[in-house]
Amino acid sequence: MTLPVALVEDSREQQSLLLSYLDEIRREGVTLKTNAFSSAEDFLADWPAGQYRLIFLDIQLPRMDGLSLARRIRETDRDAAIVFITSMAKFAVNGYEVDAVDFIVKPVLYDVFMRKMDRI
């Protein structure tokens, strides 16, 4: 079974890092189909509701922030697991209003990421 994953992160460096972590999960035998987006608008332009089962959202995005994007996602998709990525942990608590399953504080460390993925 393939797990469709979306990553919405405007920092190319963070996006590359997270994609490399997801590649490591692939090497361990988990089948992932990953799409990366640099803005909420790019994600929404490509997003049919229900397409992704796991969505990583940077909270601080240009124009539309990650929390606003999560609210839009929840209007039509209650089942996707949303994980917020943030450099400011104080924003992560807002994720509970959109039923986020977890949050990861930047810089994202490999061990932390893998523990979160094991839990998810």
Protein backbone atom coordinates (compact mmCIF):
# COMPACT_ATOMS: atom_id res chain seq x y z
CA MET A 1 0.00 0.00 0.00
CA THR A 2 1.28 3.47 -0.91
CA LEU A 3 1.10 6.34 1.57
CA PRO A 4 0.48 9.65 -0.25
CA VAL A 5 2.41 12.45 1.51
CA ALA A 6 2.41 16.21 0.93
CA LEU A 7 5.07 18.56 2.21
CA VAL A 8 4.26 22.29 2.23
CA GLU A 9 7.45 24.15 3.14
CA ASP A 10 8.72 27.41 1.66
CA SER A 11 12.36 26.97 2.73
CA ARG A 12 14.20 25.01 0.04
CA GLU A 13 16.75 23.90 2.63
CA GLN A 14 14.09 22.55 5.02
CA GLN A 15 12.17 21.00 2.13
CA SER A 16 15.28 19.15 0.92
CA LEU A 17 16.07 17.97 4.44
CA LEU A 18 12.56 16.61 5.03
CA LEU A 19 12.48 14.95 1.61
CA SER A 20 15.76 13.21 2.44
CA TYR A 21 14.21 11.91 5.68
CA LEU A 22 11.22 10.60 3.72
CA ASP A 23 13.63 8.96 1.26
CA GLU A 24 15.22 7.15 4.21
CA ILE A 25 11.80 5.81 5.18
CA ARG A 26 11.41 4.57 1.59
CA ARG A 27 14.74 2.76 1.85
CA GLU A 28 13.35 0.99 4.93
CA GLY A 29 10.61 -0.47 2.73
CA VAL A 30 7.68 1.92 3.21
CA THR A 31 6.07 2.94 -0.06
CA LEU A 32 5.52 6.70 -0.15
CA LYS A 33 4.30 8.97 -2.91
CA THR A 34 5.59 12.40 -1.94
CA ASN A 35 4.78 15.79 -3.44
CA ALA A 36 6.46 18.98 -2.21
CA PHE A 37 5.00 22.48 -2.43
CA SER A 38 6.57 25.84 -1.58
CA SER A 39 3.32 27.65 -0.77
CA ALA A 40 -0.22 27.03 0.42
CA GLU A 41 -1.50 28.30 -2.92
CA ASP A 42 0.60 25.77 -4.85
CA PHE A 43 -0.75 22.99 -2.64
CA LEU A 44 -4.38 24.08 -3.09
CA ALA A 45 -3.98 24.32 -6.87
CA ASP A 46 -2.94 20.64 -6.97
CA TRP A 47 -5.10 19.27 -4.17
CA PRO A 48 -8.19 17.16 -4.66
CA ALA A 49 -9.58 16.50 -1.17
CA GLY A 50 -8.59 13.11 0.17
CA GLN A 51 -5.53 12.79 -2.07
CA TYR A 52 -3.02 12.92 0.79
CA ARG A 53 -3.10 10.81 3.95
CA LEU A 54 -0.21 12.66 5.60
CA ILE A 55 0.43 16.39 5.22
CA PHE A 56 3.41 18.24 6.66
CA LEU A 57 2.67 21.99 6.93
CA ASP A 58 5.06 24.76 7.73
CA ILE A 59 3.15 27.18 9.94
CA GLN A 60 4.95 30.27 8.63
CA LEU A 61 4.28 30.40 4.89
CA PRO A 62 4.05 33.47 2.65
CA ARG A 63 0.56 34.88 1.98
CA MET A 64 -1.54 32.03 3.51
CA ASP A 65 -0.04 30.52 6.67
CA GLY A 66 -0.07 26.82 7.48
CA LEU A 67 -2.82 27.09 10.08
CA SER A 68 -5.14 28.80 7.58
CA LEU A 69 -4.27 26.10 5.05
CA ALA A 70 -5.08 23.41 7.61
CA ARG A 71 -8.50 25.00 8.17
CA ARG A 72 -9.12 24.88 4.41
CA ILE A 73 -8.07 21.22 4.31
CA ARG A 74 -10.39 20.36 7.21
CA GLU A 75 -13.38 21.87 5.38
CA THR A 76 -13.38 18.83 3.08
CA ASP A 77 -10.92 16.32 4.54
CA ARG A 78 -11.21 15.26 8.17
CA ASP A 79 -9.05 12.15 7.78
CA ALA A 80 -5.65 13.40 6.61
CA ALA A 81 -2.98 13.38 9.31
CA ILE A 82 -1.58 16.91 9.61
CA VAL A 83 1.83 17.53 11.16
CA PHE A 84 2.92 21.13 11.64
CA ILE A 85 6.53 22.17 11.17
CA THR A 86 7.50 25.37 12.95
CA SER A 87 10.44 27.33 14.24
CA MET A 88 8.23 28.74 17.00
CA ALA A 89 6.72 26.09 19.25
CA LYS A 90 4.18 28.56 20.66
CA PHE A 91 2.27 28.39 17.36
CA ALA A 92 2.05 24.61 17.44
CA VAL A 93 -0.65 24.56 20.12
CA ASN A 94 -2.99 26.21 17.61
CA GLY A 95 -2.75 23.01 15.60
CA TYR A 96 -5.12 21.28 17.95
CA GLU A 97 -8.02 23.37 16.66
CA VAL A 98 -7.61 21.60 13.30
CA ASP A 99 -6.94 18.17 14.81
CA ALA A 100 -3.25 18.09 13.94
CA VAL A 101 -1.66 14.82 15.00
CA ASP A 102 1.66 16.39 15.95
CA PHE A 103 4.17 19.16 15.38
CA ILE A 104 7.91 19.26 14.80
CA VAL A 105 10.11 22.17 15.83
CA LYS A 106 12.75 23.42 13.38
CA PRO A 107 15.51 22.65 12.86
CA VAL A 108 14.09 19.21 12.23
CA LEU A 109 16.45 16.58 13.58
CA TYR A 110 16.52 13.15 11.98
CA ASP A 111 15.88 11.22 15.22
CA VAL A 112 12.95 13.45 16.16
CA PHE A 113 11.44 13.12 12.70
CA MET A 114 11.73 9.32 12.75
CA ARG A 115 10.16 9.07 16.21
CA LYS A 116 7.24 11.18 15.01
CA MET A 117 6.84 9.04 11.91
CA ASP A 118 6.87 5.85 13.98
CA ARG A 119 4.08 7.29 16.09
CA ILE A 120 2.03 8.44 13.11
